[in-house]
Amino acid sequence: MTSLVLENEPAARQVLVTNGQIVIGLVDGRTLSVPLAWYPRLAHGTPSELQNVHLLGDGYVVEWPDLDEHIGIEGLLAGRRSGESAASLQRWLDARGGKL
């Protein structure tokens, strides 16, 4: 089995949420787009909550503080979806007054 070895740590320079997609501009010039549905907290976010996005650690992590969501750029490139359980998501939704 081979392992992927990254030559450079991937980092974001810009993040947009639009048309059901998270679109990330990387510092190396690439653009990454992943479905918003991969991250249920984001899929349940309001437009205002989705626009309140920050880059942490020199762009290695994307944070949506209003939704308590943090996503690593390396994980996005690897195709990792949210690992949150349905029970955890439901507790979060209940705290917001919503249903799954």
Protein backbone atom coordinates (compact mmCIF):
# COMPACT_ATOMS: atom_id res chain seq x y z
CA MET A 1 0.00 0.00 0.00
CA THR A 2 1.30 3.43 -0.87
CA SER A 3 0.75 6.62 1.07
CA LEU A 4 0.34 10.09 -0.27
CA VAL A 5 3.10 12.40 0.89
CA LEU A 6 2.36 16.07 0.47
CA GLU A 7 5.17 18.27 -0.77
CA ASN A 8 3.57 21.31 0.89
CA GLU A 9 0.93 21.65 3.54
CA PRO A 10 -2.27 22.74 1.76
CA ALA A 11 -3.57 26.10 2.90
CA ALA A 12 -6.57 28.21 1.98
CA ARG A 13 -6.50 31.87 1.02
CA GLN A 14 -10.24 32.31 0.45
CA VAL A 15 -13.49 30.49 1.31
CA LEU A 16 -16.92 31.01 -0.24
CA VAL A 17 -20.17 29.15 0.32
CA THR A 18 -22.39 29.34 -2.72
CA ASN A 19 -24.99 27.23 -4.55
CA GLY A 20 -24.68 24.28 -2.17
CA GLN A 21 -20.89 24.20 -2.45
CA ILE A 22 -17.92 25.16 -0.31
CA VAL A 23 -15.40 26.72 -2.68
CA ILE A 24 -11.87 27.15 -1.37
CA GLY A 25 -9.10 29.00 -3.12
CA LEU A 26 -5.77 27.49 -2.12
CA VAL A 27 -2.57 29.48 -1.77
CA ASP A 28 -0.96 27.42 -4.56
CA GLY A 29 -3.58 28.62 -7.06
CA ARG A 30 -5.87 25.59 -7.08
CA THR A 31 -9.59 25.80 -6.33
CA LEU A 32 -11.34 23.09 -4.34
CA SER A 33 -15.11 22.64 -4.33
CA VAL A 34 -16.99 20.21 -2.07
CA PRO A 35 -20.72 19.71 -1.50
CA LEU A 36 -22.16 21.60 1.45
CA ALA A 37 -24.15 18.43 2.23
CA TRP A 38 -20.90 16.74 3.34
CA TYR A 39 -21.07 18.92 6.47
CA PRO A 40 -24.59 18.81 7.97
CA ARG A 41 -24.03 21.74 10.34
CA LEU A 42 -23.15 23.89 7.36
CA ALA A 43 -26.10 22.52 5.39
CA HIS A 44 -28.36 23.73 8.24
CA GLY A 45 -26.69 27.13 8.51
CA THR A 46 -28.31 30.41 7.61
CA PRO A 47 -26.73 32.56 4.89
CA SER A 48 -25.42 34.89 7.59
CA GLU A 49 -23.85 32.01 9.56
CA LEU A 50 -22.26 30.59 6.41
CA GLN A 51 -20.70 33.94 5.51
CA ASN A 52 -19.11 34.24 8.97
CA VAL A 53 -16.10 32.11 8.05
CA HIS A 54 -12.49 32.42 9.24
CA LEU A 55 -9.19 30.88 8.26
CA LEU A 56 -7.13 29.59 11.19
CA GLY A 57 -3.51 28.49 11.46
CA ASP A 58 -2.25 30.29 8.35
CA GLY A 59 -5.13 28.84 6.30
CA TYR A 60 -4.82 25.19 7.36
CA VAL A 61 -8.28 25.15 8.96
CA VAL A 62 -11.60 26.76 8.02
CA GLU A 63 -13.88 27.75 10.89
CA TRP A 64 -17.55 28.71 11.01
CA PRO A 65 -17.80 29.90 14.64
CA ASP A 66 -21.57 30.41 14.60
CA LEU A 67 -22.03 26.76 13.59
CA ASP A 68 -19.20 25.30 15.70
CA GLU A 69 -17.67 23.74 12.56
CA HIS A 70 -13.94 23.42 11.90
CA ILE A 71 -12.63 21.72 8.76
CA GLY A 72 -9.00 21.02 7.91
CA ILE A 73 -7.88 21.73 4.35
CA GLU A 74 -5.88 18.51 4.22
CA GLY A 75 -9.03 16.54 5.10
CA LEU A 76 -10.98 18.28 2.35
CA LEU A 77 -8.32 17.37 -0.18
CA ALA A 78 -8.47 13.77 1.04
CA GLY A 79 -12.24 13.73 0.52
CA ARG A 80 -13.16 13.39 4.20
CA ARG A 81 -16.75 14.21 5.04
CA SER A 82 -18.08 15.20 8.44
CA GLY A 83 -17.65 12.40 10.96
CA GLU A 84 -20.36 13.74 13.27
CA SER A 85 -22.89 11.14 14.37
CA ALA A 86 -26.61 11.59 13.75
CA ALA A 87 -27.19 11.74 17.52
CA SER A 88 -24.63 14.52 17.97
CA LEU A 89 -26.08 16.47 15.06
CA GLN A 90 -29.58 16.08 16.47
CA ARG A 91 -28.46 17.43 19.86
CA TRP A 92 -26.92 20.41 18.09
CA LEU A 93 -30.09 20.97 16.06
CA ASP A 94 -32.26 20.67 19.18
CA ALA A 95 -30.15 23.33 20.86
CA ARG A 96 -30.84 25.56 17.83
CA GLY A 97 -34.55 24.73 17.89
CA GLY A 98 -34.46 22.63 14.72
CA LYS A 99 -34.98 19.02 13.67
CA LEU A 100 -32.91 16.64 11.58
